[in-house]
Amino acid sequence: FRGYPEKWGIAKRLGPKDQYPEEWEKNTVINMIHMLEPGSMNIVIDCGTEDFFYKINCALHKKLLAAKIPHDFYARPGKHNWKYWYNSIKYVVLYFNDRFERE
């Protein structure tokens, strides 16, 4: 979310990015991976290759791999829009169905 300081009300929670850059860095998912215990949660990343979050999600995927945090990563052609999500949702539902059946 660092690239979008005016979106999603994040500044209300962390303060303005230009005044609290350390809070913005500290609270990004990619900088919190060290807090995860391998296998402690089910993680799935599903992102279109034309999505504005694609490069960020690829970096997160690589960092999770380096930290040996189990996760599933899916990338298919598409953007950050309903057309992509409409197709994606069936895979995400299968992912969670599989996890719920295991437990």
Protein backbone atom coordinates (compact mmCIF):
# COMPACT_ATOMS: atom_id res chain seq x y z
CA PHE A 1 0.00 0.00 0.00
CA ARG A 2 3.02 2.30 0.16
CA GLY A 3 2.44 3.45 -3.40
CA TYR A 4 -1.14 4.50 -2.62
CA PRO A 5 -0.98 6.73 0.47
CA GLU A 6 -4.36 8.33 -0.21
CA LYS A 7 -6.32 5.10 -0.68
CA TRP A 8 -8.16 2.74 1.64
CA GLY A 9 -7.99 5.02 4.69
CA ILE A 10 -4.52 3.78 5.61
CA ALA A 11 -3.32 7.27 6.59
CA LYS A 12 -6.11 7.36 9.19
CA ARG A 13 -4.51 4.36 10.87
CA LEU A 14 -0.79 4.98 10.32
CA GLY A 15 -0.68 8.74 9.92
CA PRO A 16 0.31 10.56 6.74
CA LYS A 17 3.04 8.70 4.86
CA ASP A 18 5.25 11.78 4.53
CA GLN A 19 5.15 12.33 8.32
CA TYR A 20 5.39 8.68 9.42
CA PRO A 21 7.37 6.81 6.75
CA GLU A 22 8.76 4.36 9.32
CA GLU A 23 5.22 3.31 10.30
CA TRP A 24 4.33 2.74 6.66
CA GLU A 25 7.42 0.57 6.11
CA LYS A 26 7.02 -1.34 9.37
CA ASN A 27 3.37 -2.20 8.66
CA THR A 28 3.62 -3.51 5.11
CA VAL A 29 2.99 -7.22 4.70
CA ILE A 30 6.34 -7.83 3.04
CA ASN A 31 8.14 -6.30 6.03
CA MET A 32 6.17 -8.42 8.51
CA ILE A 33 7.06 -11.84 7.10
CA HIS A 34 9.58 -12.36 9.90
CA MET A 35 6.59 -12.55 12.27
CA LEU A 36 5.12 -15.60 10.52
CA GLU A 37 5.72 -19.10 11.77
CA PRO A 38 6.01 -21.52 8.83
CA GLY A 39 2.77 -23.47 8.45
CA SER A 40 0.87 -21.36 10.98
CA MET A 41 -1.64 -20.11 8.41
CA ASN A 42 -2.92 -20.80 4.93
CA ILE A 43 -1.74 -18.17 2.49
CA VAL A 44 -2.87 -17.80 -1.10
CA ILE A 45 -1.85 -15.05 -3.51
CA ASP A 46 -3.82 -14.83 -6.75
CA CYS A 47 -2.96 -11.95 -9.04
CA GLY A 48 -3.32 -11.00 -12.68
CA THR A 49 -0.11 -10.39 -14.60
CA GLU A 50 -1.41 -6.97 -15.68
CA ASP A 51 -2.57 -6.03 -12.15
CA PHE A 52 -0.93 -2.95 -10.63
CA PHE A 53 -0.09 -5.15 -7.60
CA TYR A 54 1.58 -7.87 -9.71
CA LYS A 55 5.24 -6.88 -9.14
CA ILE A 56 4.57 -6.36 -5.43
CA ASN A 57 2.93 -9.78 -5.17
CA CYS A 58 5.85 -11.40 -7.00
CA ALA A 59 8.25 -9.78 -4.50
CA LEU A 60 6.10 -11.05 -1.63
CA HIS A 61 6.06 -14.54 -3.13
CA LYS A 62 9.88 -14.54 -3.41
CA LYS A 63 10.30 -13.34 0.16
CA LEU A 64 7.88 -16.01 1.43
CA LEU A 65 9.88 -18.65 -0.45
CA ALA A 66 13.15 -17.38 1.04
CA ALA A 67 11.61 -17.51 4.52
CA LYS A 68 10.27 -21.01 3.82
CA ILE A 69 6.70 -19.90 4.51
CA PRO A 70 4.30 -22.31 2.77
CA HIS A 71 1.90 -20.56 0.43
CA ASP A 72 0.20 -20.88 -2.93
CA PHE A 73 0.92 -18.32 -5.64
CA TYR A 74 -1.16 -18.02 -8.78
CA ALA A 75 -0.60 -15.58 -11.63
CA ARG A 76 -2.69 -15.59 -14.77
CA PRO A 77 -3.29 -13.02 -17.49
CA GLY A 78 -5.59 -10.29 -16.27
CA LYS A 79 -5.99 -6.98 -14.48
CA HIS A 80 -7.20 -5.83 -11.07
CA ASN A 81 -10.85 -6.02 -12.06
CA TRP A 82 -14.05 -8.04 -11.81
CA LYS A 83 -13.35 -9.94 -15.02
CA TYR A 84 -10.20 -11.40 -13.46
CA TRP A 85 -11.81 -12.01 -10.07
CA TYR A 86 -14.84 -13.71 -11.60
CA ASN A 87 -12.53 -16.33 -13.08
CA SER A 88 -10.21 -16.39 -10.07
CA ILE A 89 -12.87 -16.97 -7.42
CA LYS A 90 -13.46 -20.58 -8.42
CA TYR A 91 -9.78 -21.39 -7.81
CA VAL A 92 -9.72 -19.57 -4.49
CA VAL A 93 -12.86 -21.39 -3.35
CA LEU A 94 -11.25 -24.73 -4.28
CA TYR A 95 -8.13 -23.71 -2.35
CA PHE A 96 -10.09 -22.96 0.83
CA ASN A 97 -12.36 -25.99 0.42
CA ASP A 98 -9.25 -28.17 0.31
CA ARG A 99 -7.86 -26.52 3.45
CA PHE A 100 -11.14 -26.83 5.37
CA GLU A 101 -11.44 -30.51 4.42
CA ARG A 102 -7.92 -31.16 5.79
CA GLU A 103 -8.83 -29.65 9.11
